[in-house]
């Protein structure tokens, strides 16, 4: 239902770009915290997982540990998809109850996650575009999102997209 790209740059900025067929994706999927990390909670979204993962990263956990903390807090984790990007690590979970095609691809300073997509080419295109695009973090995230859409994106219509970026200055 959703495809998201989490990214970081060497300034300490973190961001998420996301698109889906449901309205108001920016209010429910992405979360970033300046100097800490970025999270996307999607599929059968549990927005509470965003704060759990970000709090874990802020407390010094790496991305895999932050993802485990979210898993321990959710009895329905098998229907979720969660991407976590910290300062030096990334982790993704795609539950067995998510809709095919679903999966993730990690790149240099980014993580692409998606479910109910036309195929793995969507996340591949997102990572490649992010890694080769010039510009700011926000511009590179948008380039990745557009590349994912051009690769087929969500198998249904697109109704909503969002970009969220936070840096050390606030």
N, C-alpha and C. Protein backbone atom coordinates (compact mmCIF):
# COMPACT_ATOMS: atom_id res chain seq x y z
N UNK A 1 0.81 -1.19 0.00
CA UNK A 1 0.00 0.00 0.00
C UNK A 1 0.86 1.25 0.00
N UNK A 2 2.15 1.10 0.38
CA UNK A 2 2.95 2.28 0.62
C UNK A 2 4.39 2.01 0.23
N UNK A 3 5.06 3.04 -0.27
CA UNK A 3 6.50 2.94 -0.44
C UNK A 3 7.15 4.18 0.15
N UNK A 4 8.24 3.93 0.90
CA UNK A 4 8.91 5.00 1.63
C UNK A 4 10.42 4.89 1.46
N UNK A 5 11.07 6.05 1.51
CA UNK A 5 12.52 6.13 1.43
C UNK A 5 13.01 6.94 2.62
N UNK A 6 13.84 6.32 3.44
CA UNK A 6 14.44 6.97 4.59
C UNK A 6 15.87 7.33 4.21
N UNK A 7 16.32 8.53 4.56
CA UNK A 7 17.66 8.94 4.19
C UNK A 7 18.32 9.79 5.26
N UNK A 8 19.65 9.85 5.16
CA UNK A 8 20.46 10.70 6.04
C UNK A 8 21.57 11.31 5.21
N UNK A 9 22.13 12.41 5.71
CA UNK A 9 23.29 12.99 5.04
C UNK A 9 24.35 13.32 6.07
N UNK A 10 25.48 13.80 5.60
CA UNK A 10 26.61 14.03 6.51
C UNK A 10 26.46 15.27 7.38
N UNK A 11 25.38 16.03 7.22
CA UNK A 11 25.14 17.18 8.08
C UNK A 11 24.40 16.80 9.35
N UNK A 12 23.90 15.55 9.42
CA UNK A 12 23.09 15.13 10.55
C UNK A 12 21.60 15.21 10.28
N UNK A 13 21.24 15.61 9.05
CA UNK A 13 19.83 15.63 8.67
C UNK A 13 19.32 14.21 8.43
N UNK A 14 18.06 13.97 8.79
CA UNK A 14 17.36 12.72 8.52
C UNK A 14 16.05 13.07 7.85
N UNK A 15 15.56 12.17 7.00
CA UNK A 15 14.30 12.43 6.35
C UNK A 15 13.62 11.17 5.87
N UNK A 16 12.33 11.32 5.54
CA UNK A 16 11.52 10.25 4.97
C UNK A 16 10.66 10.87 3.87
N UNK A 17 10.61 10.18 2.72
CA UNK A 17 9.66 10.50 1.67
C UNK A 17 8.78 9.28 1.50
N UNK A 18 7.47 9.49 1.40
CA UNK A 18 6.54 8.36 1.36
C UNK A 18 5.36 8.66 0.44
N UNK A 19 4.82 7.61 -0.17
CA UNK A 19 3.64 7.75 -1.03
C UNK A 19 2.75 6.52 -0.85
N UNK A 20 1.45 6.73 -1.02
CA UNK A 20 0.49 5.65 -0.84
C UNK A 20 -0.82 5.96 -1.53
N UNK A 21 -1.74 5.01 -1.46
CA UNK A 21 -3.06 5.22 -2.07
C UNK A 21 -4.06 5.78 -1.06
N UNK A 22 -3.69 5.89 0.20
CA UNK A 22 -4.62 6.40 1.20
C UNK A 22 -4.31 7.86 1.53
N UNK A 23 -5.29 8.63 1.95
CA UNK A 23 -5.07 10.04 2.25
C UNK A 23 -4.19 10.26 3.49
N UNK A 24 -3.51 11.38 3.51
CA UNK A 24 -2.80 11.89 4.68
C UNK A 24 -1.68 10.99 5.18
N UNK A 25 -0.89 10.44 4.26
CA UNK A 25 0.20 9.55 4.63
C UNK A 25 1.22 10.24 5.53
N UNK A 26 1.41 11.54 5.36
CA UNK A 26 2.40 12.26 6.16
C UNK A 26 2.10 12.29 7.64
N UNK A 27 0.85 12.10 8.01
CA UNK A 27 0.47 12.11 9.43
C UNK A 27 0.63 10.76 10.09
N UNK A 28 0.73 9.68 9.31
CA UNK A 28 0.72 8.37 9.94
C UNK A 28 1.94 7.50 9.69
N UNK A 29 2.69 7.71 8.61
CA UNK A 29 3.80 6.82 8.27
C UNK A 29 5.16 7.35 8.71
N UNK A 30 5.60 8.55 8.30
CA UNK A 30 6.97 8.97 8.57
C UNK A 30 7.15 9.64 9.92
N UNK A 31 8.36 9.53 10.44
CA UNK A 31 8.77 10.28 11.63
C UNK A 31 10.27 10.47 11.57
N UNK A 32 10.73 11.65 11.92
CA UNK A 32 12.15 11.93 11.99
C UNK A 32 12.44 12.70 13.27
N UNK A 33 13.65 12.54 13.74
CA UNK A 33 14.10 13.31 14.88
C UNK A 33 15.51 13.80 14.56
N UNK A 34 15.70 15.10 14.60
CA UNK A 34 16.98 15.71 14.25
C UNK A 34 18.12 15.08 15.05
N UNK A 35 19.16 14.70 14.34
CA UNK A 35 20.35 14.13 14.97
C UNK A 35 20.17 12.72 15.50
N UNK A 36 18.99 12.13 15.32
CA UNK A 36 18.70 10.81 15.89
C UNK A 36 18.43 9.78 14.80
N UNK A 37 17.40 10.03 13.96
CA UNK A 37 17.08 9.04 12.95
C UNK A 37 15.77 9.29 12.26
N UNK A 38 15.38 8.30 11.44
CA UNK A 38 14.14 8.35 10.67
C UNK A 38 13.46 6.99 10.75
N UNK A 39 12.11 7.01 10.75
CA UNK A 39 11.33 5.79 10.86
C UNK A 39 10.14 5.89 9.91
N UNK A 40 9.77 4.76 9.30
CA UNK A 40 8.52 4.66 8.55
C UNK A 40 7.78 3.43 9.05
N UNK A 41 6.56 3.63 9.56
CA UNK A 41 5.70 2.54 10.00
C UNK A 41 4.56 2.44 9.00
N UNK A 42 4.47 1.29 8.32
CA UNK A 42 3.48 1.17 7.25
C UNK A 42 2.92 -0.25 7.16
N UNK A 43 2.23 -0.55 6.10
CA UNK A 43 1.38 -1.73 5.92
C UNK A 43 0.17 -1.50 6.82
N UNK A 44 -0.10 -2.35 7.78
CA UNK A 44 -1.15 -2.07 8.76
C UNK A 44 -0.49 -1.19 9.81
N UNK A 45 -0.45 0.10 9.53
CA UNK A 45 0.36 1.06 10.28
C UNK A 45 0.01 1.11 11.76
N UNK A 46 1.06 1.10 12.57
CA UNK A 46 0.94 1.37 14.00
C UNK A 46 1.84 2.56 14.27
N UNK A 47 1.27 3.75 14.29
CA UNK A 47 2.04 4.98 14.42
C UNK A 47 2.82 5.06 15.73
N UNK A 48 2.39 4.36 16.76
CA UNK A 48 3.10 4.37 18.04
C UNK A 48 4.50 3.78 17.91
N UNK A 49 4.71 2.92 16.94
CA UNK A 49 6.02 2.30 16.77
C UNK A 49 7.09 3.31 16.38
N UNK A 50 6.67 4.41 15.75
CA UNK A 50 7.62 5.44 15.34
C UNK A 50 8.35 6.02 16.55
N UNK A 51 7.61 6.40 17.57
CA UNK A 51 8.22 6.99 18.76
C UNK A 51 9.07 5.97 19.52
N UNK A 52 8.61 4.74 19.57
CA UNK A 52 9.39 3.69 20.26
C UNK A 52 10.75 3.53 19.60
N UNK A 53 10.76 3.44 18.28
CA UNK A 53 12.02 3.28 17.57
C UNK A 53 12.92 4.50 17.70
N UNK A 54 12.35 5.70 17.56
CA UNK A 54 13.15 6.91 17.69
C UNK A 54 13.68 7.09 19.12
N UNK A 55 12.87 6.77 20.11
CA UNK A 55 13.35 6.85 21.49
C UNK A 55 14.50 5.88 21.73
N UNK A 56 14.42 4.69 21.16
CA UNK A 56 15.49 3.71 21.29
C UNK A 56 16.78 4.23 20.65
N UNK A 57 16.64 4.80 19.44
CA UNK A 57 17.82 5.38 18.80
C UNK A 57 18.41 6.51 19.64
N UNK A 58 17.55 7.36 20.19
CA UNK A 58 18.02 8.48 21.02
C UNK A 58 18.72 7.99 22.27
N UNK A 59 18.33 6.83 22.76
CA UNK A 59 18.96 6.25 23.95
C UNK A 59 20.25 5.50 23.62
N UNK A 60 20.67 5.51 22.35
CA UNK A 60 21.94 4.90 21.97
C UNK A 60 21.85 3.57 21.26
N UNK A 61 20.66 3.05 21.05
CA UNK A 61 20.50 1.77 20.35
C UNK A 61 20.84 1.95 18.87
N UNK A 62 21.30 0.88 18.23
CA UNK A 62 21.45 0.90 16.78
C UNK A 62 20.09 0.58 16.16
N UNK A 63 19.99 0.68 14.84
CA UNK A 63 18.71 0.48 14.17
C UNK A 63 18.11 -0.91 14.40
N UNK A 64 18.91 -2.00 14.33
CA UNK A 64 18.32 -3.31 14.60
C UNK A 64 17.74 -3.42 16.02
N UNK A 65 18.40 -2.84 17.00
CA UNK A 65 17.88 -2.88 18.38
C UNK A 65 16.63 -2.03 18.51
N UNK A 66 16.59 -0.89 17.83
CA UNK A 66 15.39 -0.04 17.86
C UNK A 66 14.21 -0.76 17.22
N UNK A 67 14.47 -1.49 16.15
CA UNK A 67 13.41 -2.27 15.51
C UNK A 67 12.92 -3.36 16.45
N UNK A 68 13.82 -4.03 17.16
CA UNK A 68 13.42 -5.06 18.13
C UNK A 68 12.57 -4.47 19.25
N UNK A 69 12.91 -3.25 19.70
CA UNK A 69 12.11 -2.60 20.74
C UNK A 69 10.68 -2.37 20.25
N UNK A 70 10.53 -1.97 19.01
CA UNK A 70 9.20 -1.78 18.44
C UNK A 70 8.46 -3.10 18.35
N UNK A 71 9.16 -4.13 17.93
CA UNK A 71 8.54 -5.46 17.82
C UNK A 71 8.02 -5.94 19.17
N UNK A 72 8.78 -5.74 20.21
CA UNK A 72 8.37 -6.18 21.54
C UNK A 72 7.14 -5.44 22.05
N UNK A 73 6.88 -4.26 21.51
CA UNK A 73 5.75 -3.44 21.95
C UNK A 73 4.49 -3.67 21.13
N UNK A 74 4.54 -4.60 20.16
CA UNK A 74 3.42 -4.75 19.23
C UNK A 74 3.03 -6.21 19.09
N UNK A 75 1.84 -6.55 19.52
CA UNK A 75 1.34 -7.92 19.41
C UNK A 75 0.98 -8.32 17.98
N UNK A 76 0.87 -7.35 17.08
CA UNK A 76 0.49 -7.62 15.70
C UNK A 76 1.62 -7.30 14.72
N UNK A 77 2.86 -7.51 15.12
CA UNK A 77 4.00 -7.11 14.30
C UNK A 77 4.05 -7.85 12.96
N UNK A 78 3.41 -9.00 12.85
CA UNK A 78 3.45 -9.76 11.59
C UNK A 78 2.69 -9.07 10.46
N UNK A 79 1.83 -8.10 10.77
CA UNK A 79 1.12 -7.38 9.71
C UNK A 79 1.72 -6.00 9.45
N UNK A 80 2.83 -5.73 10.04
CA UNK A 80 3.47 -4.41 9.93
C UNK A 80 4.68 -4.46 9.01
N UNK A 81 5.03 -3.27 8.53
CA UNK A 81 6.31 -3.05 7.88
C UNK A 81 6.92 -1.83 8.56
N UNK A 82 8.18 -1.97 8.95
CA UNK A 82 8.84 -0.89 9.68
C UNK A 82 10.25 -0.72 9.15
N UNK A 83 10.60 0.51 8.84
CA UNK A 83 11.96 0.85 8.45
C UNK A 83 12.54 1.79 9.48
N UNK A 84 13.79 1.53 9.88
CA UNK A 84 14.47 2.36 10.88
C UNK A 84 15.86 2.71 10.34
N UNK A 85 16.19 4.00 10.35
CA UNK A 85 17.49 4.47 9.91
C UNK A 85 18.10 5.32 11.00
N UNK A 86 19.23 4.87 11.53
CA UNK A 86 19.96 5.62 12.54
C UNK A 86 21.19 6.28 11.94
N UNK A 87 22.04 6.81 12.81
CA UNK A 87 23.22 7.53 12.35
C UNK A 87 24.20 6.64 11.61
N UNK A 88 24.26 5.37 11.98
CA UNK A 88 25.25 4.49 11.35
C UNK A 88 24.70 3.11 11.01
N UNK A 89 23.39 2.92 11.08
CA UNK A 89 22.82 1.61 10.78
C UNK A 89 21.40 1.75 10.28
N UNK A 90 20.92 0.67 9.66
CA UNK A 90 19.55 0.61 9.15
C UNK A 90 18.99 -0.77 9.43
N UNK A 91 17.66 -0.84 9.56
CA UNK A 91 17.00 -2.13 9.76
C UNK A 91 15.58 -2.03 9.21
N UNK A 92 15.11 -3.15 8.67
CA UNK A 92 13.75 -3.19 8.13
C UNK A 92 13.08 -4.49 8.53
N UNK A 93 11.79 -4.39 8.75
CA UNK A 93 10.96 -5.56 9.04
C UNK A 93 9.79 -5.53 8.07
N UNK A 94 9.56 -6.67 7.42
CA UNK A 94 8.37 -6.85 6.60
C UNK A 94 7.68 -8.10 7.12
N UNK A 95 6.55 -7.92 7.78
CA UNK A 95 5.84 -9.03 8.38
C UNK A 95 5.25 -9.98 7.35
N UNK A 96 5.06 -11.19 7.76
CA UNK A 96 4.50 -12.22 6.88
C UNK A 96 3.06 -11.92 6.49
N UNK A 97 2.40 -11.03 7.22
CA UNK A 97 1.01 -10.69 6.92
C UNK A 97 0.85 -9.46 6.06
N UNK A 98 1.95 -8.94 5.50
CA UNK A 98 1.83 -7.78 4.61
C UNK A 98 1.51 -8.27 3.19
N UNK A 99 1.03 -7.36 2.36
CA UNK A 99 0.59 -7.71 1.01
C UNK A 99 1.76 -7.69 0.03
N UNK A 100 1.80 -8.69 -0.85
CA UNK A 100 2.88 -8.82 -1.83
C UNK A 100 2.70 -7.78 -2.93
N UNK A 101 3.73 -7.40 -3.60
CA UNK A 101 5.13 -7.55 -3.26
C UNK A 101 5.46 -6.62 -2.11
N UNK A 102 6.23 -7.14 -1.16
CA UNK A 102 6.65 -6.34 -0.02
C UNK A 102 8.09 -6.67 0.30
N UNK A 103 8.85 -5.63 0.65
CA UNK A 103 10.24 -5.85 1.02
C UNK A 103 10.97 -4.55 1.20
N UNK A 104 12.30 -4.66 1.28
CA UNK A 104 13.13 -3.50 1.56
C UNK A 104 14.47 -3.65 0.85
N UNK A 105 15.13 -2.52 0.68
CA UNK A 105 16.50 -2.52 0.17
C UNK A 105 17.26 -1.41 0.87
N UNK A 106 18.41 -1.77 1.41
CA UNK A 106 19.29 -0.80 2.06
C UNK A 106 20.31 -0.29 1.06
N UNK A 107 20.57 0.99 1.11
CA UNK A 107 21.61 1.59 0.29
C UNK A 107 22.57 2.35 1.17
N UNK A 108 23.44 3.09 0.53
CA UNK A 108 24.38 3.93 1.26
C UNK A 108 23.59 5.14 1.79
N UNK A 109 23.46 5.25 3.07
CA UNK A 109 22.75 6.35 3.72
C UNK A 109 21.25 6.39 3.44
N UNK A 110 20.66 5.25 3.06
CA UNK A 110 19.23 5.23 2.82
C UNK A 110 18.67 3.82 3.01
N UNK A 111 17.35 3.77 3.13
CA UNK A 111 16.62 2.51 3.25
C UNK A 111 15.27 2.70 2.56
N UNK A 112 14.97 1.83 1.60
CA UNK A 112 13.68 1.87 0.90
C UNK A 112 12.84 0.69 1.37
N UNK A 113 11.58 0.95 1.71
CA UNK A 113 10.64 -0.10 2.13
C UNK A 113 9.34 0.09 1.38
N UNK A 114 8.67 -1.04 1.08
CA UNK A 114 7.40 -0.93 0.39
C UNK A 114 6.60 -2.20 0.47
N UNK A 115 5.29 -2.04 0.30
CA UNK A 115 4.38 -3.18 0.30
C UNK A 115 3.26 -2.90 -0.69
N UNK A 116 2.70 -3.99 -1.20
CA UNK A 116 1.69 -3.96 -2.25
C UNK A 116 2.21 -3.17 -3.46
N UNK A 117 3.46 -3.46 -3.83
CA UNK A 117 4.11 -2.81 -4.95
C UNK A 117 4.07 -3.71 -6.18
N UNK A 118 4.42 -3.14 -7.32
CA UNK A 118 4.46 -3.93 -8.54
C UNK A 118 5.63 -4.91 -8.54
N UNK A 119 6.64 -4.68 -7.72
CA UNK A 119 7.78 -5.59 -7.62
C UNK A 119 8.97 -4.94 -6.95
N UNK A 120 10.05 -5.70 -6.85
CA UNK A 120 11.25 -5.23 -6.16
C UNK A 120 11.94 -4.09 -6.88
N UNK A 121 11.63 -3.91 -8.17
CA UNK A 121 12.23 -2.82 -8.93
C UNK A 121 11.90 -1.45 -8.36
N UNK A 122 10.81 -1.34 -7.62
CA UNK A 122 10.43 -0.06 -7.03
C UNK A 122 11.46 0.36 -5.98
N UNK A 123 11.77 -0.51 -5.03
CA UNK A 123 12.74 -0.15 -3.99
C UNK A 123 14.14 -0.03 -4.57
N UNK A 124 14.47 -0.85 -5.58
CA UNK A 124 15.78 -0.73 -6.24
C UNK A 124 15.94 0.64 -6.89
N UNK A 125 14.91 1.08 -7.60
CA UNK A 125 14.95 2.39 -8.27
C UNK A 125 15.06 3.53 -7.26
N UNK A 126 14.39 3.40 -6.13
CA UNK A 126 14.43 4.44 -5.11
C UNK A 126 15.84 4.60 -4.57
N UNK A 127 16.49 3.49 -4.25
CA UNK A 127 17.84 3.55 -3.70
C UNK A 127 18.82 4.11 -4.72
N UNK A 128 18.73 3.62 -5.95
CA UNK A 128 19.66 4.10 -6.99
C UNK A 128 19.50 5.60 -7.22
N UNK A 129 18.27 6.07 -7.29
CA UNK A 129 18.04 7.50 -7.51
C UNK A 129 18.56 8.33 -6.35
N UNK A 130 18.31 7.89 -5.13
CA UNK A 130 18.80 8.62 -3.95
C UNK A 130 20.32 8.72 -3.98
N UNK A 131 20.96 7.63 -4.30
CA UNK A 131 22.43 7.59 -4.25
C UNK A 131 23.09 8.39 -5.37
N UNK A 132 22.38 8.64 -6.46
CA UNK A 132 22.99 9.35 -7.59
C UNK A 132 22.47 10.77 -7.77
N UNK A 133 21.41 11.13 -7.09
CA UNK A 133 20.83 12.47 -7.27
C UNK A 133 21.68 13.54 -6.59
N UNK A 134 21.81 14.68 -7.23
CA UNK A 134 22.48 15.81 -6.57
C UNK A 134 21.48 16.53 -5.67
N UNK A 135 22.01 17.43 -4.85
CA UNK A 135 21.13 18.31 -4.09
C UNK A 135 21.08 18.01 -2.62
N UNK A 136 20.11 18.65 -1.98
CA UNK A 136 19.90 18.51 -0.55
C UNK A 136 19.30 17.14 -0.24
N UNK A 137 19.24 16.82 1.03
CA UNK A 137 18.61 15.57 1.43
C UNK A 137 17.16 15.53 0.95
N UNK A 138 16.42 16.60 1.12
CA UNK A 138 15.02 16.62 0.68
C UNK A 138 14.92 16.39 -0.82
N UNK A 139 15.79 17.02 -1.60
CA UNK A 139 15.76 16.84 -3.05
C UNK A 139 16.09 15.40 -3.45
N UNK A 140 17.04 14.80 -2.76
CA UNK A 140 17.42 13.41 -3.06
C UNK A 140 16.30 12.44 -2.67
N UNK A 141 15.60 12.72 -1.57
CA UNK A 141 14.46 11.89 -1.16
C UNK A 141 13.34 11.98 -2.19
N UNK A 142 13.06 13.18 -2.68
CA UNK A 142 12.03 13.35 -3.69
C UNK A 142 12.43 12.63 -4.97
N UNK A 143 13.71 12.73 -5.36
CA UNK A 143 14.18 12.02 -6.55
C UNK A 143 13.97 10.51 -6.40
N UNK A 144 14.24 9.99 -5.22
CA UNK A 144 14.03 8.56 -4.96
C UNK A 144 12.56 8.18 -5.02
N UNK A 145 11.70 9.01 -4.44
CA UNK A 145 10.27 8.73 -4.47
C UNK A 145 9.72 8.76 -5.89
N UNK A 146 10.16 9.74 -6.67
CA UNK A 146 9.72 9.82 -8.06
C UNK A 146 10.22 8.62 -8.87
N UNK A 147 11.43 8.17 -8.59
CA UNK A 147 11.96 6.99 -9.29
C UNK A 147 11.16 5.74 -8.93
N UNK A 148 10.77 5.61 -7.67
CA UNK A 148 9.94 4.49 -7.27
C UNK A 148 8.58 4.52 -7.95
N UNK A 149 8.02 5.70 -8.06
CA UNK A 149 6.74 5.84 -8.75
C UNK A 149 6.88 5.50 -10.23
N UNK A 150 7.96 5.97 -10.85
CA UNK A 150 8.19 5.69 -12.26
C UNK A 150 8.42 4.19 -12.51
N UNK A 151 8.93 3.50 -11.50
CA UNK A 151 9.16 2.05 -11.61
C UNK A 151 7.88 1.25 -11.38
N UNK A 152 6.78 1.92 -11.11
CA UNK A 152 5.49 1.24 -10.94
C UNK A 152 4.83 1.51 -9.61
N UNK A 153 5.64 1.77 -8.58
CA UNK A 153 5.11 2.16 -7.28
C UNK A 153 4.06 1.23 -6.73
N UNK A 154 3.13 1.82 -6.03
CA UNK A 154 1.98 1.13 -5.45
C UNK A 154 1.14 0.55 -6.58
N UNK A 155 0.66 -0.68 -6.41
CA UNK A 155 -0.14 -1.32 -7.47
C UNK A 155 -1.47 -0.62 -7.69
N UNK A 156 -1.85 0.26 -6.77
CA UNK A 156 -3.12 0.97 -6.90
C UNK A 156 -2.85 2.43 -7.26
N UNK A 157 -3.80 3.27 -7.10
CA UNK A 157 -3.63 4.69 -7.40
C UNK A 157 -2.82 5.37 -6.31
N UNK A 158 -2.30 6.55 -6.62
CA UNK A 158 -1.57 7.35 -5.63
C UNK A 158 -2.47 8.49 -5.22
N UNK A 159 -2.70 8.64 -3.91
CA UNK A 159 -3.54 9.72 -3.42
C UNK A 159 -2.79 10.68 -2.53
N UNK A 160 -1.66 10.24 -2.01
CA UNK A 160 -1.03 11.03 -0.97
C UNK A 160 0.48 10.79 -0.96
N UNK A 161 1.23 11.84 -0.71
CA UNK A 161 2.68 11.74 -0.56
C UNK A 161 3.13 12.77 0.46
N UNK A 162 4.30 12.53 1.04
CA UNK A 162 4.83 13.46 2.03
C UNK A 162 6.35 13.36 2.07
N UNK A 163 6.98 14.46 2.42
CA UNK A 163 8.42 14.49 2.66
C UNK A 163 8.61 15.19 3.99
N UNK A 164 9.39 14.57 4.86
CA UNK A 164 9.65 15.11 6.18
C UNK A 164 11.14 15.05 6.41
N UNK A 165 11.76 16.20 6.71
CA UNK A 165 13.21 16.28 6.94
C UNK A 165 13.44 17.10 8.20
N UNK A 166 14.39 16.66 9.02
CA UNK A 166 14.76 17.41 10.22
C UNK A 166 16.28 17.40 10.34
N UNK A 167 16.81 18.54 10.72
CA UNK A 167 18.25 18.67 10.89
C UNK A 167 18.60 19.12 12.29
N UNK A 168 19.89 19.15 12.58
CA UNK A 168 20.35 19.51 13.93
C UNK A 168 19.87 20.89 14.39
N UNK A 169 19.64 21.78 13.45
CA UNK A 169 19.19 23.13 13.82
C UNK A 169 17.69 23.19 14.12
N UNK A 170 16.96 22.08 13.87
CA UNK A 170 15.55 22.08 14.21
C UNK A 170 14.63 22.06 13.07
